[in-house]
Amino acid sequence: MSKQCRSCSDGLTDRTRYEEVVLDVMLYSARLKETVARRNSDVIVAMARMMAETFEEGGKVLFCGNGGSAADAQHLATELTIRYRSSLVRPALPAIALSTDTSALTAGANDLGYDAVFARLVEAYGRERDLLVGLSTSGNSKSVVNALEGAKRQGMKTFTLLGGDGGVLKGVADLEIIVPHSGSADRVQECHITIGHVLIDLVERMLGYC
């Protein structure tokens, strides 16, 4: 006879406990998003306007982040270049996630040090009319810090999506949102991607596509 796992044998007791975990996590995430929305709705609108103006002026948006934030950067860049929703037909909007070129990332890390990889790509691709969006759940990612500093030297517009207390990136960008959650990246990333989706929705409206 096969040995039954404890989670199966405990039946409803364990199921109820796991359901409580689901409720705790998802309701906390929802409350955190509500807090961020109420505190930062004006900043989100200002970020969307900055992005829309970048596109109107013929510029592009560069995104950078590490780990889960790199995935969010790719996600948002793709929704600008390809599409956000199938119900809306619009032109492609120029956006680049700086974490997608493995040859550039590995060469940069090997030759210049990882902390310089995004800054080097900002130097290559960034122009004065462009916008750099930095994502960091801690606010302390040195590669993102260096990218922001490089973008500002080139006269680019900047904004950041951060977490915790904002870390060393607090106050560096033209605009910022700090998700007030410390100790883990997960809840912060959930807020960041929601903010990103709202930004794209607003940009499409501001550009007159819907």
C-alpha atoms as a PDB file:
ATOM      1  CA  MET A   1       0.000   0.000   0.000  1.00  0.00           C
ATOM      2  CA  SER A   2       1.338   3.412  -0.882  1.00  0.00           C
ATOM      3  CA  LYS A   3       1.997   5.793   1.968  1.00  0.00           C
ATOM      4  CA  GLN A   4      -0.557   8.626   2.061  1.00  0.00           C
ATOM      5  CA  CYS A   5       0.843  12.140   2.367  1.00  0.00           C
ATOM      6  CA  ARG A   6      -0.031  14.107   5.473  1.00  0.00           C
ATOM      7  CA  SER A   7      -1.835  16.821   3.522  1.00  0.00           C
ATOM      8  CA  CYS A   8      -4.237  14.228   2.082  1.00  0.00           C
ATOM      9  CA  SER A   9      -4.843  12.385   5.341  1.00  0.00           C
ATOM     10  CA  ASP A  10      -5.519  15.546   7.314  1.00  0.00           C
ATOM     11  CA  GLY A  11      -8.418  16.308   5.006  1.00  0.00           C
ATOM     12  CA  LEU A  12     -10.510  19.365   5.711  1.00  0.00           C
ATOM     13  CA  THR A  13      -8.235  20.660   8.470  1.00  0.00           C
ATOM     14  CA  ASP A  14      -5.300  21.140   6.140  1.00  0.00           C
ATOM     15  CA  ARG A  15      -7.506  22.322   3.304  1.00  0.00           C
ATOM     16  CA  THR A  16      -8.992  24.991   5.532  1.00  0.00           C
ATOM     17  CA  ARG A  17      -5.534  26.054   6.679  1.00  0.00           C
ATOM     18  CA  TYR A  18      -4.328  26.366   3.096  1.00  0.00           C
ATOM     19  CA  GLU A  19      -7.437  28.313   2.140  1.00  0.00           C
ATOM     20  CA  GLU A  20      -6.646  30.720   4.958  1.00  0.00           C
ATOM     21  CA  VAL A  21      -3.186  31.210   3.457  1.00  0.00           C
ATOM     22  CA  VAL A  22      -4.805  31.991   0.102  1.00  0.00           C
ATOM     23  CA  LEU A  23      -7.124  34.551   1.697  1.00  0.00           C
ATOM     24  CA  ASP A  24      -4.362  36.123   3.799  1.00  0.00           C
ATOM     25  CA  VAL A  25      -1.983  36.536   0.869  1.00  0.00           C
ATOM     26  CA  MET A  26      -4.487  37.683  -1.753  1.00  0.00           C
ATOM     27  CA  LEU A  27      -6.397  40.047   0.505  1.00  0.00           C
ATOM     28  CA  TYR A  28      -3.160  41.604   1.764  1.00  0.00           C
ATOM     29  CA  SER A  29      -2.046  42.054  -1.847  1.00  0.00           C
ATOM     30  CA  ALA A  30      -5.385  43.695  -2.679  1.00  0.00           C
ATOM     31  CA  ARG A  31      -5.160  46.031   0.325  1.00  0.00           C
ATOM     32  CA  LEU A  32      -1.587  46.955  -0.596  1.00  0.00           C
ATOM     33  CA  LYS A  33      -2.658  47.832  -4.145  1.00  0.00           C
ATOM     34  CA  GLU A  34      -5.483  49.947  -2.733  1.00  0.00           C
ATOM     35  CA  THR A  35      -3.026  51.798  -0.492  1.00  0.00           C
ATOM     36  CA  VAL A  36      -0.673  52.446  -3.400  1.00  0.00           C
ATOM     37  CA  ALA A  37      -3.535  53.614  -5.628  1.00  0.00           C
ATOM     38  CA  ARG A  38      -4.933  56.028  -3.052  1.00  0.00           C
ATOM     39  CA  ARG A  39      -1.515  57.481  -2.233  1.00  0.00           C
ATOM     40  CA  ASN A  40      -0.168  57.652  -5.775  1.00  0.00           C
ATOM     41  CA  SER A  41      -2.993  58.048  -8.293  1.00  0.00           C
ATOM     42  CA  ASP A  42      -1.714  61.512  -9.193  1.00  0.00           C
ATOM     43  CA  VAL A  43       1.839  60.203  -9.647  1.00  0.00           C
ATOM     44  CA  ILE A  44       0.630  57.342 -11.858  1.00  0.00           C
ATOM     45  CA  VAL A  45      -1.199  59.860 -14.068  1.00  0.00           C
ATOM     46  CA  ALA A  46       1.954  62.014 -14.211  1.00  0.00           C
ATOM     47  CA  MET A  47       4.047  58.964 -15.177  1.00  0.00           C
ATOM     48  CA  ALA A  48       1.571  58.050 -17.920  1.00  0.00           C
ATOM     49  CA  ARG A  49       1.670  61.617 -19.229  1.00  0.00           C
ATOM     50  CA  MET A  50       5.482  61.545 -19.245  1.00  0.00           C
ATOM     51  CA  MET A  51       5.402  58.290 -21.218  1.00  0.00           C
ATOM     52  CA  ALA A  52       2.748  59.521 -23.658  1.00  0.00           C
ATOM     53  CA  GLU A  53       4.701  62.740 -24.275  1.00  0.00           C
ATOM     54  CA  THR A  54       7.820  60.664 -24.923  1.00  0.00           C
ATOM     55  CA  PHE A  55       6.031  58.797 -27.695  1.00  0.00           C
ATOM     56  CA  GLU A  56       4.463  61.989 -29.074  1.00  0.00           C
ATOM     57  CA  GLU A  57       7.929  63.575 -29.318  1.00  0.00           C
ATOM     58  CA  GLY A  58       9.309  60.597 -31.256  1.00  0.00           C
ATOM     59  CA  GLY A  59      11.162  59.104 -28.295  1.00  0.00           C
ATOM     60  CA  LYS A  60      11.246  55.606 -26.873  1.00  0.00           C
ATOM     61  CA  VAL A  61      10.948  54.015 -23.440  1.00  0.00           C
ATOM     62  CA  LEU A  62      13.747  51.905 -21.970  1.00  0.00           C
ATOM     63  CA  PHE A  63      13.002  49.576 -19.043  1.00  0.00           C
ATOM     64  CA  CYS A  64      15.493  47.953 -16.678  1.00  0.00           C
ATOM     65  CA  GLY A  65      15.327  45.693 -13.645  1.00  0.00           C
ATOM     66  CA  ASN A  66      16.772  42.471 -12.238  1.00  0.00           C
ATOM     67  CA  GLY A  67      15.170  39.081 -11.649  1.00  0.00           C
ATOM     68  CA  GLY A  68      11.399  39.397 -11.348  1.00  0.00           C
ATOM     69  CA  SER A  69      11.729  43.079 -12.180  1.00  0.00           C
ATOM     70  CA  ALA A  70      13.501  42.108 -15.425  1.00  0.00           C
ATOM     71  CA  ALA A  71      10.484  39.938 -16.240  1.00  0.00           C
ATOM     72  CA  ASP A  72       8.177  42.875 -15.509  1.00  0.00           C
ATOM     73  CA  ALA A  73      10.338  45.116 -17.714  1.00  0.00           C
ATOM     74  CA  GLN A  74      10.053  42.651 -20.612  1.00  0.00           C
ATOM     75  CA  HIS A  75       6.328  42.206 -20.002  1.00  0.00           C
ATOM     76  CA  LEU A  76       5.587  45.937 -20.148  1.00  0.00           C
ATOM     77  CA  ALA A  77       7.897  46.656 -23.073  1.00  0.00           C
ATOM     78  CA  THR A  78       6.206  43.912 -25.082  1.00  0.00           C
ATOM     79  CA  GLU A  79       2.732  45.241 -24.335  1.00  0.00           C
ATOM     80  CA  LEU A  80       3.830  48.591 -25.736  1.00  0.00           C
ATOM     81  CA  THR A  81       5.532  47.226 -28.854  1.00  0.00           C
ATOM     82  CA  ILE A  82       3.048  44.458 -29.677  1.00  0.00           C
ATOM     83  CA  ARG A  83      -0.257  45.231 -27.948  1.00  0.00           C
ATOM     84  CA  TYR A  84      -1.877  45.490 -24.537  1.00  0.00           C
ATOM     85  CA  ARG A  85      -5.339  44.210 -25.442  1.00  0.00           C
ATOM     86  CA  SER A  86      -6.686  42.549 -28.574  1.00  0.00           C
ATOM     87  CA  SER A  87      -9.756  44.812 -28.744  1.00  0.00           C
ATOM     88  CA  LEU A  88      -7.648  47.888 -29.583  1.00  0.00           C
ATOM     89  CA  VAL A  89      -5.872  48.419 -32.895  1.00  0.00           C
ATOM     90  CA  ARG A  90      -3.024  50.944 -32.637  1.00  0.00           C
ATOM     91  CA  PRO A  91       0.519  51.474 -33.947  1.00  0.00           C
ATOM     92  CA  ALA A  92       3.444  49.835 -32.188  1.00  0.00           C
ATOM     93  CA  LEU A  93       5.010  52.012 -29.490  1.00  0.00           C
ATOM     94  CA  PRO A  94       8.836  51.919 -29.226  1.00  0.00           C
ATOM     95  CA  ALA A  95       9.997  50.303 -25.995  1.00  0.00           C
ATOM     96  CA  ILE A  96      13.046  48.211 -25.094  1.00  0.00           C
ATOM     97  CA  ALA A  97      13.676  46.015 -22.053  1.00  0.00           C
ATOM     98  CA  LEU A  98      17.427  46.213 -21.429  1.00  0.00           C
ATOM     99  CA  SER A  99      17.508  42.747 -19.841  1.00  0.00           C
ATOM    100  CA  THR A 100      16.650  40.782 -22.986  1.00  0.00           C
ATOM    101  CA  ASP A 101      19.970  40.660 -24.884  1.00  0.00           C
ATOM    102  CA  THR A 102      21.949  37.837 -23.271  1.00  0.00           C
ATOM    103  CA  SER A 103      25.071  38.557 -25.320  1.00  0.00           C
ATOM    104  CA  ALA A 104      25.093  42.194 -24.185  1.00  0.00           C
ATOM    105  CA  LEU A 105      24.372  41.255 -20.569  1.00  0.00           C
ATOM    106  CA  THR A 106      27.055  38.582 -20.371  1.00  0.00           C
ATOM    107  CA  ALA A 107      29.661  40.626 -22.240  1.00  0.00           C
ATOM    108  CA  GLY A 108      28.898  43.637 -20.085  1.00  0.00           C
ATOM    109  CA  ALA A 109      29.076  41.627 -16.883  1.00  0.00           C
ATOM    110  CA  ASN A 110      32.325  39.984 -17.983  1.00  0.00           C
ATOM    111  CA  ASP A 111      34.058  43.061 -19.375  1.00  0.00           C
ATOM    112  CA  LEU A 112      32.660  45.937 -17.309  1.00  0.00           C
ATOM    113  CA  GLY A 113      31.093  44.318 -14.239  1.00  0.00           C
ATOM    114  CA  TYR A 114      27.403  43.549 -13.847  1.00  0.00           C
ATOM    115  CA  ASP A 115      26.631  46.842 -12.128  1.00  0.00           C
ATOM    116  CA  ALA A 116      27.473  48.647 -15.384  1.00  0.00           C
ATOM    117  CA  VAL A 117      25.443  46.588 -17.865  1.00  0.00           C
ATOM    118  CA  PHE A 118      22.256  48.665 -17.944  1.00  0.00           C
ATOM    119  CA  ALA A 119      24.152  51.960 -17.861  1.00  0.00           C
ATOM    120  CA  ARG A 120      26.157  50.836 -20.887  1.00  0.00           C
ATOM    121  CA  LEU A 121      22.989  49.993 -22.800  1.00  0.00           C
ATOM    122  CA  VAL A 122      21.431  53.311 -21.792  1.00  0.00           C
ATOM    123  CA  GLU A 123      24.539  54.981 -23.207  1.00  0.00           C
ATOM    124  CA  ALA A 124      24.067  53.017 -26.444  1.00  0.00           C
ATOM    125  CA  TYR A 125      20.320  53.438 -26.921  1.00  0.00           C
ATOM    126  CA  GLY A 126      19.245  56.422 -24.836  1.00  0.00           C
ATOM    127  CA  ARG A 127      18.713  59.890 -26.235  1.00  0.00           C
ATOM    128  CA  GLU A 128      17.584  63.159 -24.675  1.00  0.00           C
ATOM    129  CA  ARG A 129      13.954  62.749 -25.748  1.00  0.00           C
ATOM    130  CA  ASP A 130      13.741  59.195 -24.330  1.00  0.00           C
ATOM    131  CA  LEU A 131      12.443  57.874 -21.012  1.00  0.00           C
ATOM    132  CA  LEU A 132      14.072  55.321 -18.679  1.00  0.00           C
ATOM    133  CA  VAL A 133      11.884  53.307 -16.303  1.00  0.00           C
ATOM    134  CA  GLY A 134      13.772  51.589 -13.484  1.00  0.00           C
ATOM    135  CA  LEU A 135      12.213  48.778 -11.450  1.00  0.00           C
ATOM    136  CA  SER A 136      13.705  47.658  -8.139  1.00  0.00           C
ATOM    137  CA  THR A 137      11.803  46.019  -5.293  1.00  0.00           C
ATOM    138  CA  SER A 138      14.478  47.064  -2.793  1.00  0.00           C
ATOM    139  CA  GLY A 139      15.502  50.341  -4.370  1.00  0.00           C
ATOM    140  CA  ASN A 140      19.127  49.259  -3.938  1.00  0.00           C
ATOM    141  CA  SER A 141      19.931  47.502  -7.237  1.00  0.00           C
ATOM    142  CA  LYS A 142      23.274  49.004  -8.228  1.00  0.00           C
ATOM    143  CA  SER A 143      22.764  48.204 -11.898  1.00  0.00           C
ATOM    144  CA  VAL A 144      19.513  50.175 -11.867  1.00  0.00           C
ATOM    145  CA  VAL A 145      21.080  53.021  -9.855  1.00  0.00           C
ATOM    146  CA  ASN A 146      23.865  53.346 -12.435  1.00  0.00           C
ATOM    147  CA  ALA A 147      21.383  53.220 -15.313  1.00  0.00           C
ATOM    148  CA  LEU A 148      19.326  56.041 -13.780  1.00  0.00           C
ATOM    149  CA  GLU A 149      22.417  58.157 -13.214  1.00  0.00           C
ATOM    150  CA  GLY A 150      23.550  57.560 -16.801  1.00  0.00           C
ATOM    151  CA  ALA A 151      20.116  58.459 -18.156  1.00  0.00           C
ATOM    152  CA  LYS A 152      20.085  61.709 -16.220  1.00  0.00           C
ATOM    153  CA  ARG A 153      23.535  62.617 -17.573  1.00  0.00           C
ATOM    154  CA  GLN A 154      22.135  62.162 -21.073  1.00  0.00           C
ATOM    155  CA  GLY A 155      19.149  64.389 -20.316  1.00  0.00           C
ATOM    156  CA  MET A 156      16.597  61.569 -20.402  1.00  0.00           C
ATOM    157  CA  LYS A 157      13.364  61.600 -18.434  1.00  0.00           C
ATOM    158  CA  THR A 158      13.189  58.999 -15.664  1.00  0.00           C
ATOM    159  CA  PHE A 159      10.805  57.322 -13.293  1.00  0.00           C
ATOM    160  CA  THR A 160      11.097  54.396 -10.900  1.00  0.00           C
ATOM    161  CA  LEU A 161       8.883  51.737  -9.345  1.00  0.00           C
ATOM    162  CA  LEU A 162      10.389  50.803  -5.983  1.00  0.00           C
ATOM    163  CA  GLY A 163       9.560  48.974  -2.756  1.00  0.00           C
ATOM    164  CA  GLY A 164      10.254  49.065   0.973  1.00  0.00           C
ATOM    165  CA  ASP A 165      11.598  52.474   1.945  1.00  0.00           C
ATOM    166  CA  GLY A 166      12.805  53.232  -1.584  1.00  0.00           C
ATOM    167  CA  GLY A 167      16.445  52.410  -0.817  1.00  0.00           C
ATOM    168  CA  VAL A 168      19.216  54.445  -2.409  1.00  0.00           C
ATOM    169  CA  LEU A 169      17.045  55.104  -5.458  1.00  0.00           C
ATOM    170  CA  LYS A 170      14.586  57.157  -3.440  1.00  0.00           C
ATOM    171  CA  GLY A 171      14.555  60.670  -4.845  1.00  0.00           C
ATOM    172  CA  VAL A 172      16.832  59.873  -7.801  1.00  0.00           C
ATOM    173  CA  ALA A 173      14.244  59.793 -10.608  1.00  0.00           C
ATOM    174  CA  ASP A 174      11.950  62.561 -11.835  1.00  0.00           C
ATOM    175  CA  LEU A 175       8.967  60.563 -10.572  1.00  0.00           C
ATOM    176  CA  GLU A 176       8.743  57.532  -8.291  1.00  0.00           C
ATOM    177  CA  ILE A 177       6.303  55.198  -6.598  1.00  0.00           C
ATOM    178  CA  ILE A 178       7.414  53.294  -3.506  1.00  0.00           C
ATOM    179  CA  VAL A 179       5.295  50.270  -2.574  1.00  0.00           C
ATOM    180  CA  PRO A 180       5.252  50.219   1.261  1.00  0.00           C
ATOM    181  CA  HIS A 181       6.121  46.553   1.750  1.00  0.00           C
ATOM    182  CA  SER A 182       9.420  45.226   3.093  1.00  0.00           C
ATOM    183  CA  GLY A 183      10.964  41.813   3.585  1.00  0.00           C
ATOM    184  CA  SER A 184       9.987  40.153   0.300  1.00  0.00           C
ATOM    185  CA  ALA A 185       9.766  41.074  -3.359  1.00  0.00           C
ATOM    186  CA  ASP A 186       6.557  39.225  -4.210  1.00  0.00           C
ATOM    187  CA  ARG A 187       3.893  41.676  -3.052  1.00  0.00           C
ATOM    188  CA  VAL A 188       5.934  44.615  -4.397  1.00  0.00           C
ATOM    189  CA  GLN A 189       6.190  43.002  -7.844  1.00  0.00           C
ATOM    190  CA  GLU A 190       2.436  42.387  -7.869  1.00  0.00           C
ATOM    191  CA  CYS A 191       1.899  46.119  -7.342  1.00  0.00           C
ATOM    192  CA  HIS A 192       4.511  47.045  -9.936  1.00  0.00           C
ATOM    193  CA  ILE A 193       2.924  45.007 -12.707  1.00  0.00           C
ATOM    194  CA  THR A 194      -0.526  46.378 -11.868  1.00  0.00           C
ATOM    195  CA  ILE A 195       0.838  49.929 -11.992  1.00  0.00           C
ATOM    196  CA  GLY A 196       2.451  49.064 -15.333  1.00  0.00           C
ATOM    197  CA  HIS A 197      -0.846  47.850 -16.772  1.00  0.00           C
ATOM    198  CA  VAL A 198      -2.641  50.992 -15.602  1.00  0.00           C
ATOM    199  CA  LEU A 199       0.123  53.123 -17.146  1.00  0.00           C
ATOM    200  CA  ILE A 200      -0.297  51.472 -20.539  1.00  0.00           C
ATOM    201  CA  ASP A 201      -4.080  51.862 -20.348  1.00  0.00           C
ATOM    202  CA  LEU A 202      -3.668  55.578 -19.592  1.00  0.00           C
ATOM    203  CA  VAL A 203      -1.031  56.070 -22.301  1.00  0.00           C
ATOM    204  CA  GLU A 204      -3.342  54.572 -24.921  1.00  0.00           C
ATOM    205  CA  ARG A 205      -6.103  56.944 -23.786  1.00  0.00           C
ATOM    206  CA  MET A 206      -3.795  59.974 -23.731  1.00  0.00           C
ATOM    207  CA  LEU A 207      -2.558  59.209 -27.240  1.00  0.00           C
ATOM    208  CA  GLY A 208      -6.157  59.031 -28.452  1.00  0.00           C
ATOM    209  CA  TYR A 209      -6.226  55.352 -29.335  1.00  0.00           C
ATOM    210  CA  CYS A 210      -9.298  54.669 -27.176  1.00  0.00           C
END
